[in-house]
């Protein structure tokens, strides 16, 4: 099963410290070597992004930055694991690396399963 893992944070926190970069590089190398990590990366800030919104039958385009955004997705990973528990553990690893190597960082890590064509539409509550 594949999952998308999002790292959310305040955009104004600044650049990651070298200790976190090194720890993430090591974790990513291990993840790619084991086959758990399919893809990963950091994202540019919202001042280099565009938002397209569909509302009232119209598509509008807004270039960043977006003042109303409290947290943004700062990075992502696509992982391939056996089950939800293993996916959560990978998310916990990302959160823990941030906690240990960037003490001022506050944010969240979201883990969401990616629907495959065989799954049909994802369930809705």
C-alpha atoms as a PDB file:
ATOM      1  CA  UNK A   1       0.000   0.000   0.000  1.00  0.00           C
ATOM      2  CA  UNK A   2       1.197   3.480  -0.795  1.00  0.00           C
ATOM      3  CA  UNK A   3       0.813   6.496   1.456  1.00  0.00           C
ATOM      4  CA  UNK A   4       1.499  10.191   1.088  1.00  0.00           C
ATOM      5  CA  UNK A   5       3.155  11.753   4.107  1.00  0.00           C
ATOM      6  CA  UNK A   6       2.951  15.551   4.425  1.00  0.00           C
ATOM      7  CA  UNK A   7       5.094  17.664   6.740  1.00  0.00           C
ATOM      8  CA  UNK A   8       3.135  20.807   7.694  1.00  0.00           C
ATOM      9  CA  UNK A   9       4.673  23.840   9.360  1.00  0.00           C
ATOM     10  CA  UNK A  10       4.608  27.590   9.698  1.00  0.00           C
ATOM     11  CA  UNK A  11       6.239  29.085   6.652  1.00  0.00           C
ATOM     12  CA  UNK A  12       8.047  31.812   8.591  1.00  0.00           C
ATOM     13  CA  UNK A  13      10.158  29.411  10.682  1.00  0.00           C
ATOM     14  CA  UNK A  14      13.109  29.677   8.306  1.00  0.00           C
ATOM     15  CA  UNK A  15      15.454  27.103   6.851  1.00  0.00           C
ATOM     16  CA  UNK A  16      16.021  23.714   8.396  1.00  0.00           C
ATOM     17  CA  UNK A  17      19.207  23.458  10.458  1.00  0.00           C
ATOM     18  CA  UNK A  18      22.101  21.401   9.056  1.00  0.00           C
ATOM     19  CA  UNK A  19      21.561  18.698  11.709  1.00  0.00           C
ATOM     20  CA  UNK A  20      18.036  18.041  10.427  1.00  0.00           C
ATOM     21  CA  UNK A  21      19.165  18.081   6.807  1.00  0.00           C
ATOM     22  CA  UNK A  22      21.823  15.463   7.611  1.00  0.00           C
ATOM     23  CA  UNK A  23      19.388  13.314   9.596  1.00  0.00           C
ATOM     24  CA  UNK A  24      16.769  13.495   6.825  1.00  0.00           C
ATOM     25  CA  UNK A  25      19.392  12.646   4.185  1.00  0.00           C
ATOM     26  CA  UNK A  26      20.375   9.541   6.162  1.00  0.00           C
ATOM     27  CA  UNK A  27      16.757   8.498   6.752  1.00  0.00           C
ATOM     28  CA  UNK A  28      15.916   9.016   3.086  1.00  0.00           C
ATOM     29  CA  UNK A  29      18.937   7.003   1.930  1.00  0.00           C
ATOM     30  CA  UNK A  30      17.860   4.161   4.216  1.00  0.00           C
ATOM     31  CA  UNK A  31      14.242   4.441   3.026  1.00  0.00           C
ATOM     32  CA  UNK A  32      15.185   4.352  -0.646  1.00  0.00           C
ATOM     33  CA  UNK A  33      17.567   1.422  -0.071  1.00  0.00           C
ATOM     34  CA  UNK A  34      14.879  -0.607   1.717  1.00  0.00           C
ATOM     35  CA  UNK A  35      12.202   0.213  -0.872  1.00  0.00           C
ATOM     36  CA  UNK A  36       9.910   1.888   1.669  1.00  0.00           C
ATOM     37  CA  UNK A  37      10.558   5.381   0.314  1.00  0.00           C
ATOM     38  CA  UNK A  38       9.298   5.882  -3.247  1.00  0.00           C
ATOM     39  CA  UNK A  39       9.722   9.662  -3.540  1.00  0.00           C
ATOM     40  CA  UNK A  40      10.370  12.594  -1.202  1.00  0.00           C
ATOM     41  CA  UNK A  41      11.283  16.241  -1.218  1.00  0.00           C
ATOM     42  CA  UNK A  42      10.911  19.679   0.240  1.00  0.00           C
ATOM     43  CA  UNK A  43       8.671  22.295  -1.298  1.00  0.00           C
ATOM     44  CA  UNK A  44       9.444  25.871  -2.270  1.00  0.00           C
ATOM     45  CA  UNK A  45       7.765  28.611  -0.257  1.00  0.00           C
ATOM     46  CA  UNK A  46       4.280  29.833  -1.132  1.00  0.00           C
ATOM     47  CA  UNK A  47       5.637  33.045  -2.652  1.00  0.00           C
ATOM     48  CA  UNK A  48       6.702  30.823  -5.566  1.00  0.00           C
ATOM     49  CA  UNK A  49       3.339  29.065  -5.858  1.00  0.00           C
ATOM     50  CA  UNK A  50       0.004  29.500  -7.578  1.00  0.00           C
ATOM     51  CA  UNK A  51      -3.429  28.571  -6.296  1.00  0.00           C
ATOM     52  CA  UNK A  52      -6.288  27.777  -8.671  1.00  0.00           C
ATOM     53  CA  UNK A  53      -9.741  27.863  -7.090  1.00  0.00           C
ATOM     54  CA  UNK A  54     -13.025  26.705  -8.584  1.00  0.00           C
ATOM     55  CA  UNK A  55     -15.937  28.604  -7.074  1.00  0.00           C
ATOM     56  CA  UNK A  56     -19.303  29.531  -8.502  1.00  0.00           C
ATOM     57  CA  UNK A  57     -18.458  27.857 -11.802  1.00  0.00           C
ATOM     58  CA  UNK A  58     -15.356  30.016 -12.279  1.00  0.00           C
ATOM     59  CA  UNK A  59     -11.655  29.232 -12.051  1.00  0.00           C
ATOM     60  CA  UNK A  60      -9.551  31.960 -10.463  1.00  0.00           C
ATOM     61  CA  UNK A  61      -5.791  32.069 -10.177  1.00  0.00           C
ATOM     62  CA  UNK A  62      -3.872  33.645  -7.304  1.00  0.00           C
ATOM     63  CA  UNK A  63      -0.091  33.808  -7.032  1.00  0.00           C
ATOM     64  CA  UNK A  64       1.466  33.430  -3.584  1.00  0.00           C
ATOM     65  CA  UNK A  65       2.346  34.231  -0.951  1.00  0.00           C
ATOM     66  CA  UNK A  66      -0.931  33.587   0.829  1.00  0.00           C
ATOM     67  CA  UNK A  67      -1.259  35.689   3.992  1.00  0.00           C
ATOM     68  CA  UNK A  68      -4.163  33.610   5.317  1.00  0.00           C
ATOM     69  CA  UNK A  69      -2.134  30.371   5.415  1.00  0.00           C
ATOM     70  CA  UNK A  70      -1.173  29.497   8.998  1.00  0.00           C
ATOM     71  CA  UNK A  71       0.628  26.278   8.064  1.00  0.00           C
ATOM     72  CA  UNK A  72       1.850  25.070   4.705  1.00  0.00           C
ATOM     73  CA  UNK A  73       3.108  21.754   3.403  1.00  0.00           C
ATOM     74  CA  UNK A  74       6.877  22.066   3.643  1.00  0.00           C
ATOM     75  CA  UNK A  75       7.768  18.597   2.446  1.00  0.00           C
ATOM     76  CA  UNK A  76       6.361  15.256   1.417  1.00  0.00           C
ATOM     77  CA  UNK A  77       7.172  11.589   1.047  1.00  0.00           C
ATOM     78  CA  UNK A  78       5.522   8.765  -0.843  1.00  0.00           C
ATOM     79  CA  UNK A  79       6.022   5.496   1.006  1.00  0.00           C
ATOM     80  CA  UNK A  80       5.151   1.893   0.226  1.00  0.00           C
ATOM     81  CA  UNK A  81       4.439  -0.242   3.283  1.00  0.00           C
ATOM     82  CA  UNK A  82       2.411  -3.296   4.352  1.00  0.00           C
ATOM     83  CA  UNK A  83      -0.248  -1.621   6.486  1.00  0.00           C
ATOM     84  CA  UNK A  84      -1.533   1.457   8.332  1.00  0.00           C
ATOM     85  CA  UNK A  85       0.641   0.760  11.376  1.00  0.00           C
ATOM     86  CA  UNK A  86       3.832   0.751   9.324  1.00  0.00           C
ATOM     87  CA  UNK A  87       2.725   3.961   7.575  1.00  0.00           C
ATOM     88  CA  UNK A  88       2.096   5.653  10.930  1.00  0.00           C
ATOM     89  CA  UNK A  89       5.530   4.543  12.122  1.00  0.00           C
ATOM     90  CA  UNK A  90       7.141   6.183   9.078  1.00  0.00           C
ATOM     91  CA  UNK A  91       5.221   9.385   9.854  1.00  0.00           C
ATOM     92  CA  UNK A  92       6.366   9.194  13.466  1.00  0.00           C
ATOM     93  CA  UNK A  93       9.969   8.857  12.256  1.00  0.00           C
ATOM     94  CA  UNK A  94       9.651  12.117  10.285  1.00  0.00           C
ATOM     95  CA  UNK A  95       8.073  13.938  13.236  1.00  0.00           C
ATOM     96  CA  UNK A  96      10.734  12.623  15.624  1.00  0.00           C
ATOM     97  CA  UNK A  97      13.599  13.690  13.352  1.00  0.00           C
ATOM     98  CA  UNK A  98      12.187  17.225  13.310  1.00  0.00           C
ATOM     99  CA  UNK A  99      11.686  17.183  17.092  1.00  0.00           C
ATOM    100  CA  UNK A 100      15.237  15.989  17.769  1.00  0.00           C
ATOM    101  CA  UNK A 101      17.159  18.045  15.218  1.00  0.00           C
ATOM    102  CA  UNK A 102      15.131  21.271  15.052  1.00  0.00           C
ATOM    103  CA  UNK A 103      13.981  22.056  18.616  1.00  0.00           C
ATOM    104  CA  UNK A 104      12.193  25.298  17.625  1.00  0.00           C
ATOM    105  CA  UNK A 105      10.132  23.510  14.940  1.00  0.00           C
ATOM    106  CA  UNK A 106       6.431  23.101  15.504  1.00  0.00           C
ATOM    107  CA  UNK A 107       4.201  21.444  12.976  1.00  0.00           C
ATOM    108  CA  UNK A 108       2.457  18.233  12.086  1.00  0.00           C
ATOM    109  CA  UNK A 109       2.917  15.179   9.936  1.00  0.00           C
ATOM    110  CA  UNK A 110      -0.096  13.814   8.065  1.00  0.00           C
ATOM    111  CA  UNK A 111      -0.176  10.246   6.760  1.00  0.00           C
ATOM    112  CA  UNK A 112      -2.784   9.478   4.070  1.00  0.00           C
ATOM    113  CA  UNK A 113      -3.259   6.327   2.064  1.00  0.00           C
ATOM    114  CA  UNK A 114      -3.119   6.708  -1.708  1.00  0.00           C
ATOM    115  CA  UNK A 115      -6.018   4.991  -3.462  1.00  0.00           C
ATOM    116  CA  UNK A 116      -4.959   2.529  -6.128  1.00  0.00           C
ATOM    117  CA  UNK A 117      -7.066   1.815  -9.231  1.00  0.00           C
ATOM    118  CA  UNK A 118      -8.061  -1.532  -7.685  1.00  0.00           C
ATOM    119  CA  UNK A 119      -9.394   0.145  -4.531  1.00  0.00           C
ATOM    120  CA  UNK A 120     -12.173   2.080  -6.198  1.00  0.00           C
ATOM    121  CA  UNK A 121     -13.005   5.466  -4.719  1.00  0.00           C
ATOM    122  CA  UNK A 122     -11.695   6.151  -1.201  1.00  0.00           C
ATOM    123  CA  UNK A 123     -14.368   5.671   1.495  1.00  0.00           C
ATOM    124  CA  UNK A 124     -16.211   8.778   2.698  1.00  0.00           C
ATOM    125  CA  UNK A 125     -17.571   9.187   6.205  1.00  0.00           C
END
